[in-house]
Amino acid sequence: MTKVLLATLIAFLSVASLSAQTVRDRNNMKIGTIENQGTVRDANNMKVGSIDNNGTVRDRNNMKVGSISNDGTIRDRNNMKIGSVGNDGTVRDRNNMKIGSIGKDGTVRDRNNMKIGTANGVNMFHTAVYYFFNLL
């Protein structure tokens, strides 16, 4: 019975790790994960927030702190536009000034085109919330 439980636990953990994408800093150090269902965790695996299927961004206490619309517009808790992400990965602030970009390979760059991290396989909008808009 113990062997069956252990095998089940190992299988579960293996599948669970496949459902999260690692977010890394410029030095390739893990700074968090964004799970497929939208849960956002820090490097210590503590939940720091979530991004719902409808685009609502929530903090660790499940309070709404912002949103992401299908067109890439990012809004704060008061529904004020704080930025956007274009289909090409360009990230802009509320004044439409370029503040960075997210490449198709997941490379995240600041306004000076310096690499600030990677989020390979993470939804581009979620990546923008994580790196540029401090909603979590």
N, C-alpha and C. Protein backbone atom coordinates (compact mmCIF):
# COMPACT_ATOMS: atom_id res chain seq x y z
N MET A 1 0.82 -1.20 0.00
CA MET A 1 0.00 0.00 0.00
C MET A 1 0.86 1.26 0.00
N THR A 2 1.93 1.26 0.79
CA THR A 2 2.82 2.42 0.85
C THR A 2 3.46 2.68 -0.50
N LYS A 3 3.86 1.61 -1.20
CA LYS A 3 4.48 1.76 -2.51
C LYS A 3 3.50 2.36 -3.51
N VAL A 4 2.25 1.95 -3.44
CA VAL A 4 1.23 2.48 -4.34
C VAL A 4 1.02 3.97 -4.07
N LEU A 5 0.93 4.34 -2.79
CA LEU A 5 0.76 5.76 -2.44
C LEU A 5 1.96 6.59 -2.89
N LEU A 6 3.15 6.07 -2.69
CA LEU A 6 4.36 6.77 -3.10
C LEU A 6 4.40 6.93 -4.62
N ALA A 7 4.09 5.88 -5.35
CA ALA A 7 4.08 5.95 -6.81
C ALA A 7 3.03 6.96 -7.29
N THR A 8 1.88 6.98 -6.66
CA THR A 8 0.82 7.93 -7.01
C THR A 8 1.28 9.36 -6.76
N LEU A 9 1.92 9.59 -5.63
CA LEU A 9 2.41 10.92 -5.29
C LEU A 9 3.47 11.38 -6.29
N ILE A 10 4.38 10.51 -6.65
CA ILE A 10 5.42 10.85 -7.62
C ILE A 10 4.79 11.19 -8.97
N ALA A 11 3.82 10.39 -9.39
CA ALA A 11 3.15 10.64 -10.66
C ALA A 11 2.43 11.99 -10.63
N PHE A 12 1.76 12.28 -9.52
CA PHE A 12 1.04 13.55 -9.38
C PHE A 12 2.00 14.73 -9.45
N LEU A 13 3.12 14.66 -8.74
CA LEU A 13 4.09 15.75 -8.75
C LEU A 13 4.71 15.94 -10.12
N SER A 14 4.92 14.85 -10.84
CA SER A 14 5.47 14.94 -12.20
C SER A 14 4.51 15.67 -13.12
N VAL A 15 3.24 15.33 -13.06
CA VAL A 15 2.23 15.98 -13.88
C VAL A 15 2.06 17.43 -13.45
N ALA A 16 2.06 17.72 -12.15
CA ALA A 16 1.89 19.08 -11.66
C ALA A 16 3.01 19.98 -12.14
N SER A 17 4.22 19.47 -12.19
CA SER A 17 5.34 20.31 -12.63
C SER A 17 5.25 20.63 -14.12
N LEU A 18 4.56 19.79 -14.89
CA LEU A 18 4.38 20.06 -16.31
C LEU A 18 3.37 21.17 -16.54
N SER A 19 2.54 21.47 -15.56
CA SER A 19 1.49 22.46 -15.74
C SER A 19 1.92 23.85 -15.28
N ALA A 20 3.19 24.07 -15.00
CA ALA A 20 3.68 25.38 -14.59
C ALA A 20 4.86 25.78 -15.45
N GLN A 21 4.93 27.06 -15.78
CA GLN A 21 6.04 27.58 -16.56
C GLN A 21 6.91 28.44 -15.66
N THR A 22 8.19 28.26 -15.74
CA THR A 22 9.13 28.97 -14.89
C THR A 22 9.41 30.36 -15.43
N VAL A 23 9.45 31.32 -14.52
CA VAL A 23 9.80 32.70 -14.85
C VAL A 23 11.17 32.95 -14.25
N ARG A 24 12.09 33.48 -15.07
CA ARG A 24 13.48 33.65 -14.64
C ARG A 24 13.94 35.09 -14.80
N ASP A 25 14.94 35.48 -14.01
CA ASP A 25 15.51 36.82 -14.12
C ASP A 25 16.61 36.84 -15.18
N ARG A 26 17.28 37.96 -15.32
CA ARG A 26 18.32 38.11 -16.36
C ARG A 26 19.49 37.17 -16.17
N ASN A 27 19.69 36.65 -14.94
CA ASN A 27 20.78 35.72 -14.66
C ASN A 27 20.34 34.27 -14.68
N ASN A 28 19.12 34.03 -15.20
CA ASN A 28 18.53 32.71 -15.33
C ASN A 28 18.16 32.07 -13.98
N MET A 29 18.04 32.90 -12.95
CA MET A 29 17.60 32.41 -11.64
C MET A 29 16.07 32.37 -11.62
N LYS A 30 15.52 31.30 -11.11
CA LYS A 30 14.07 31.16 -11.01
C LYS A 30 13.52 32.22 -10.05
N ILE A 31 12.54 33.00 -10.52
CA ILE A 31 11.90 33.99 -9.65
C ILE A 31 10.43 33.66 -9.42
N GLY A 32 9.94 32.65 -10.13
CA GLY A 32 8.56 32.25 -9.91
C GLY A 32 8.06 31.30 -10.97
N THR A 33 6.77 30.99 -10.87
CA THR A 33 6.10 30.15 -11.86
C THR A 33 4.71 30.70 -12.11
N ILE A 34 4.24 30.46 -13.30
CA ILE A 34 2.85 30.76 -13.65
C ILE A 34 2.26 29.44 -14.12
N GLU A 35 1.29 28.95 -13.36
CA GLU A 35 0.69 27.66 -13.67
C GLU A 35 -0.36 27.81 -14.75
N ASN A 36 -0.64 26.73 -15.46
CA ASN A 36 -1.59 26.78 -16.57
C ASN A 36 -2.96 27.30 -16.15
N GLN A 37 -3.40 27.01 -14.95
CA GLN A 37 -4.71 27.49 -14.51
C GLN A 37 -4.64 28.92 -14.00
N GLY A 38 -3.44 29.57 -14.05
CA GLY A 38 -3.31 30.99 -13.73
C GLY A 38 -2.72 31.31 -12.37
N THR A 39 -2.48 30.33 -11.52
CA THR A 39 -1.88 30.61 -10.21
C THR A 39 -0.44 31.06 -10.42
N VAL A 40 -0.08 32.15 -9.74
CA VAL A 40 1.27 32.70 -9.84
C VAL A 40 1.97 32.47 -8.50
N ARG A 41 3.16 31.89 -8.57
CA ARG A 41 3.92 31.57 -7.36
C ARG A 41 5.30 32.22 -7.42
N ASP A 42 5.85 32.52 -6.25
CA ASP A 42 7.21 33.07 -6.20
C ASP A 42 8.23 31.94 -6.22
N ALA A 43 9.50 32.29 -6.07
CA ALA A 43 10.57 31.29 -6.14
C ALA A 43 10.49 30.26 -5.03
N ASN A 44 9.80 30.59 -3.92
CA ASN A 44 9.63 29.67 -2.80
C ASN A 44 8.34 28.87 -2.89
N ASN A 45 7.68 28.94 -4.06
CA ASN A 45 6.43 28.24 -4.34
C ASN A 45 5.24 28.76 -3.52
N MET A 46 5.35 29.98 -3.00
CA MET A 46 4.24 30.60 -2.29
C MET A 46 3.35 31.32 -3.29
N LYS A 47 2.05 31.17 -3.15
CA LYS A 47 1.12 31.84 -4.06
C LYS A 47 1.20 33.36 -3.84
N VAL A 48 1.42 34.10 -4.93
CA VAL A 48 1.45 35.56 -4.85
C VAL A 48 0.27 36.18 -5.57
N GLY A 49 -0.48 35.36 -6.31
CA GLY A 49 -1.64 35.86 -7.02
C GLY A 49 -2.13 34.88 -8.04
N SER A 50 -3.03 35.36 -8.88
CA SER A 50 -3.57 34.52 -9.94
C SER A 50 -4.11 35.38 -11.06
N ILE A 51 -4.23 34.76 -12.22
CA ILE A 51 -4.83 35.40 -13.38
C ILE A 51 -5.93 34.47 -13.85
N ASP A 52 -7.18 34.92 -13.70
CA ASP A 52 -8.33 34.10 -14.05
C ASP A 52 -8.47 33.96 -15.57
N ASN A 53 -9.26 32.98 -15.99
CA ASN A 53 -9.52 32.76 -17.41
C ASN A 53 -10.15 33.98 -18.08
N ASN A 54 -10.90 34.77 -17.32
CA ASN A 54 -11.54 35.96 -17.88
C ASN A 54 -10.63 37.19 -17.87
N GLY A 55 -9.36 37.03 -17.41
CA GLY A 55 -8.41 38.12 -17.41
C GLY A 55 -8.30 38.90 -16.11
N THR A 56 -9.09 38.53 -15.12
CA THR A 56 -9.00 39.21 -13.82
C THR A 56 -7.71 38.81 -13.12
N VAL A 57 -6.97 39.82 -12.65
CA VAL A 57 -5.72 39.59 -11.91
C VAL A 57 -6.04 39.75 -10.43
N ARG A 58 -5.66 38.73 -9.64
CA ARG A 58 -5.97 38.73 -8.21
C ARG A 58 -4.68 38.62 -7.39
N ASP A 59 -4.69 39.21 -6.20
CA ASP A 59 -3.53 39.10 -5.32
C ASP A 59 -3.61 37.80 -4.51
N ARG A 60 -2.67 37.61 -3.59
CA ARG A 60 -2.61 36.37 -2.80
C ARG A 60 -3.85 36.17 -1.94
N ASN A 61 -4.60 37.25 -1.66
CA ASN A 61 -5.82 37.16 -0.86
C ASN A 61 -7.08 37.06 -1.72
N ASN A 62 -6.89 36.84 -3.02
CA ASN A 62 -7.97 36.68 -3.98
C ASN A 62 -8.74 37.98 -4.26
N MET A 63 -8.14 39.12 -3.91
CA MET A 63 -8.76 40.41 -4.19
C MET A 63 -8.36 40.86 -5.59
N LYS A 64 -9.31 41.41 -6.34
CA LYS A 64 -9.03 41.90 -7.69
C LYS A 64 -8.07 43.08 -7.61
N VAL A 65 -6.97 43.00 -8.37
CA VAL A 65 -6.00 44.09 -8.42
C VAL A 65 -5.84 44.64 -9.83
N GLY A 66 -6.50 44.02 -10.80
CA GLY A 66 -6.42 44.50 -12.16
C GLY A 66 -7.03 43.51 -13.12
N SER A 67 -6.80 43.77 -14.41
CA SER A 67 -7.34 42.88 -15.43
C SER A 67 -6.55 43.01 -16.73
N ILE A 68 -6.71 41.99 -17.55
CA ILE A 68 -6.12 41.95 -18.89
C ILE A 68 -7.25 41.62 -19.85
N SER A 69 -7.44 42.47 -20.86
CA SER A 69 -8.49 42.18 -21.84
C SER A 69 -7.90 41.41 -23.01
N ASN A 70 -8.77 40.87 -23.83
CA ASN A 70 -8.34 40.06 -24.98
C ASN A 70 -7.51 40.85 -25.98
N ASP A 71 -7.65 42.18 -26.00
CA ASP A 71 -6.87 42.99 -26.93
C ASP A 71 -5.51 43.40 -26.37
N GLY A 72 -5.19 42.94 -25.14
CA GLY A 72 -3.90 43.23 -24.54
C GLY A 72 -3.88 44.42 -23.61
N THR A 73 -5.02 45.07 -23.41
CA THR A 73 -5.08 46.22 -22.51
C THR A 73 -5.00 45.73 -21.06
N ILE A 74 -4.15 46.36 -20.28
CA ILE A 74 -3.97 46.00 -18.87
C ILE A 74 -4.49 47.15 -18.03
N ARG A 75 -5.37 46.82 -17.07
CA ARG A 75 -6.01 47.84 -16.23
C ARG A 75 -5.75 47.55 -14.76
N ASP A 76 -5.77 48.61 -13.94
CA ASP A 76 -5.59 48.44 -12.50
C ASP A 76 -6.92 48.13 -11.83
N ARG A 77 -6.93 48.08 -10.50
CA ARG A 77 -8.14 47.73 -9.75
C ARG A 77 -9.28 48.72 -9.96
N ASN A 78 -8.96 49.97 -10.36
CA ASN A 78 -9.98 51.00 -10.60
C ASN A 78 -10.39 51.08 -12.06
N ASN A 79 -9.98 50.09 -12.84
CA ASN A 79 -10.30 49.97 -14.26
C ASN A 79 -9.62 51.04 -15.11
N MET A 80 -8.57 51.67 -14.58
CA MET A 80 -7.80 52.65 -15.34
C MET A 80 -6.73 51.91 -16.15
N LYS A 81 -6.59 52.28 -17.41
CA LYS A 81 -5.58 51.65 -18.26
C LYS A 81 -4.20 52.00 -17.73
N ILE A 82 -3.37 50.95 -17.50
CA ILE A 82 -2.00 51.17 -17.06
C ILE A 82 -0.99 50.72 -18.10
N GLY A 83 -1.47 50.08 -19.16
CA GLY A 83 -0.57 49.65 -20.21
C GLY A 83 -1.23 48.69 -21.17
N SER A 84 -0.39 48.16 -22.06
CA SER A 84 -0.90 47.21 -23.05
C SER A 84 0.23 46.37 -23.59
N VAL A 85 -0.16 45.24 -24.19
CA VAL A 85 0.76 44.35 -24.87
C VAL A 85 0.22 44.13 -26.28
N GLY A 86 1.04 44.44 -27.27
CA GLY A 86 0.63 44.24 -28.66
C GLY A 86 0.84 42.81 -29.11
N ASN A 87 0.22 42.45 -30.20
CA ASN A 87 0.39 41.10 -30.75
C ASN A 87 1.84 40.79 -31.10
N ASP A 88 2.63 41.83 -31.32
CA ASP A 88 4.04 41.65 -31.64
C ASP A 88 4.92 41.54 -30.40
N GLY A 89 4.30 41.63 -29.20
CA GLY A 89 5.04 41.52 -27.95
C GLY A 89 5.52 42.83 -27.37
N THR A 90 5.24 43.94 -28.04
CA THR A 90 5.64 45.25 -27.52
C THR A 90 4.78 45.60 -26.32
N VAL A 91 5.44 45.98 -25.22
CA VAL A 91 4.74 46.37 -24.00
C VAL A 91 4.81 47.88 -23.88
N ARG A 92 3.64 48.51 -23.67
CA ARG A 92 3.54 49.97 -23.59
C ARG A 92 2.90 50.38 -22.28
N ASP A 93 3.28 51.57 -21.78
CA ASP A 93 2.68 52.09 -20.56
C ASP A 93 1.37 52.81 -20.88
N ARG A 94 0.78 53.45 -19.89
CA ARG A 94 -0.52 54.12 -20.07
C ARG A 94 -0.45 55.26 -21.07
N ASN A 95 0.74 55.82 -21.30
CA ASN A 95 0.92 56.91 -22.25
C ASN A 95 1.36 56.42 -23.63
N ASN A 96 1.28 55.12 -23.84
CA ASN A 96 1.64 54.46 -25.10
C ASN A 96 3.14 54.51 -25.40
N MET A 97 3.95 54.74 -24.37
CA MET A 97 5.40 54.72 -24.54
C MET A 97 5.88 53.27 -24.38
N LYS A 98 6.78 52.85 -25.25
CA LYS A 98 7.32 51.49 -25.16
C LYS A 98 8.15 51.35 -23.89
N ILE A 99 7.81 50.33 -23.08
CA ILE A 99 8.58 50.07 -21.86
C ILE A 99 9.28 48.73 -21.91
N GLY A 100 9.05 47.97 -22.98
CA GLY A 100 9.71 46.68 -23.10
C GLY A 100 9.09 45.83 -24.18
N SER A 101 9.52 44.57 -24.20
CA SER A 101 9.00 43.64 -25.18
C SER A 101 9.13 42.21 -24.67
N ILE A 102 8.31 41.36 -25.25
CA ILE A 102 8.33 39.94 -24.94
C ILE A 102 8.45 39.20 -26.27
N GLY A 103 9.56 38.49 -26.45
CA GLY A 103 9.79 37.77 -27.69
C GLY A 103 9.02 36.47 -27.77
N LYS A 104 8.86 35.96 -28.96
CA LYS A 104 8.17 34.67 -29.16
C LYS A 104 8.86 33.55 -28.40
N ASP A 105 10.16 33.68 -28.14
CA ASP A 105 10.90 32.67 -27.39
C ASP A 105 10.79 32.86 -25.88
N GLY A 106 10.03 33.88 -25.45
CA GLY A 106 9.84 34.14 -24.02
C GLY A 106 10.84 35.10 -23.42
N THR A 107 11.79 35.62 -24.21
CA THR A 107 12.75 36.58 -23.69
C THR A 107 12.06 37.91 -23.41
N VAL A 108 12.27 38.42 -22.21
CA VAL A 108 11.67 39.69 -21.79
C VAL A 108 12.76 40.75 -21.79
N ARG A 109 12.50 41.87 -22.48
CA ARG A 109 13.48 42.95 -22.60
C ARG A 109 12.89 44.27 -22.13
N ASP A 110 13.75 45.12 -21.56
CA ASP A 110 13.30 46.43 -21.10
C ASP A 110 13.29 47.42 -22.28
N ARG A 111 13.00 48.69 -22.00
CA ARG A 111 12.90 49.70 -23.07
C ARG A 111 14.21 49.92 -23.80
N ASN A 112 15.33 49.57 -23.17
CA ASN A 112 16.64 49.70 -23.81
C ASN A 112 17.09 48.41 -24.50
N ASN A 113 16.16 47.48 -24.64
CA ASN A 113 16.39 46.19 -25.28
C ASN A 113 17.34 45.29 -24.49
N MET A 114 17.51 45.58 -23.21
CA MET A 114 18.34 44.73 -22.35
C MET A 114 17.48 43.59 -21.82
N LYS A 115 18.01 42.40 -21.82
CA LYS A 115 17.28 41.23 -21.32
C LYS A 115 17.08 41.38 -19.81
N ILE A 116 15.81 41.27 -19.38
CA ILE A 116 15.52 41.32 -17.94
C ILE A 116 14.98 39.99 -17.43
N GLY A 117 14.75 39.04 -18.33
CA GLY A 117 14.28 37.74 -17.90
C GLY A 117 13.77 36.89 -19.03
N THR A 118 13.24 35.72 -18.65
CA THR A 118 12.63 34.81 -19.61
C THR A 118 11.37 34.20 -19.00
N ALA A 119 10.43 33.93 -19.86
CA ALA A 119 9.19 33.27 -19.45
C ALA A 119 8.72 32.42 -20.62
N ASN A 120 9.55 31.47 -21.01
CA ASN A 120 9.26 30.62 -22.14
C ASN A 120 8.01 29.80 -21.90
N GLY A 121 7.07 29.86 -22.82
CA GLY A 121 5.84 29.08 -22.71
C GLY A 121 4.74 29.74 -21.91
N VAL A 122 5.01 30.93 -21.37
CA VAL A 122 4.01 31.64 -20.57
C VAL A 122 3.21 32.57 -21.49
N ASN A 123 1.92 32.67 -21.27
CA ASN A 123 1.07 33.58 -22.01
C ASN A 123 1.70 34.98 -21.99
N MET A 124 1.79 35.62 -23.14
CA MET A 124 2.45 36.92 -23.27
C MET A 124 1.82 37.97 -22.36
N PHE A 125 0.49 37.98 -22.23
CA PHE A 125 -0.18 38.95 -21.37
C PHE A 125 0.18 38.70 -19.91
N HIS A 126 0.20 37.44 -19.52
CA HIS A 126 0.57 37.10 -18.14
C HIS A 126 2.01 37.52 -17.84
N THR A 127 2.88 37.31 -18.83
CA THR A 127 4.28 37.71 -18.68
C THR A 127 4.39 39.21 -18.45
N ALA A 128 3.62 39.99 -19.21
CA ALA A 128 3.66 41.45 -19.05
C ALA A 128 3.21 41.87 -17.66
N VAL A 129 2.15 41.25 -17.15
CA VAL A 129 1.68 41.56 -15.81
C VAL A 129 2.79 41.25 -14.80
N TYR A 130 3.44 40.13 -14.97
CA TYR A 130 4.47 39.69 -14.02
C TYR A 130 5.68 40.62 -14.02
N TYR A 131 6.19 40.99 -15.19
CA TYR A 131 7.43 41.74 -15.25
C TYR A 131 7.25 43.26 -15.23
N PHE A 132 6.19 43.79 -15.83
CA PHE A 132 6.14 45.22 -16.07
C PHE A 132 5.11 45.99 -15.23
N PHE A 133 4.05 45.35 -14.77
CA PHE A 133 2.96 46.12 -14.19
C PHE A 133 2.73 45.91 -12.71
N ASN A 134 3.51 45.07 -12.07
CA ASN A 134 3.51 44.94 -10.62
C ASN A 134 2.13 44.79 -9.99
N LEU A 135 1.25 44.05 -10.67
CA LEU A 135 -0.08 43.81 -10.12
C LEU A 135 -0.10 42.66 -9.12
N LEU A 136 0.92 41.82 -9.15
CA LEU A 136 0.95 40.67 -8.26
C LEU A 136 1.89 40.92 -7.11
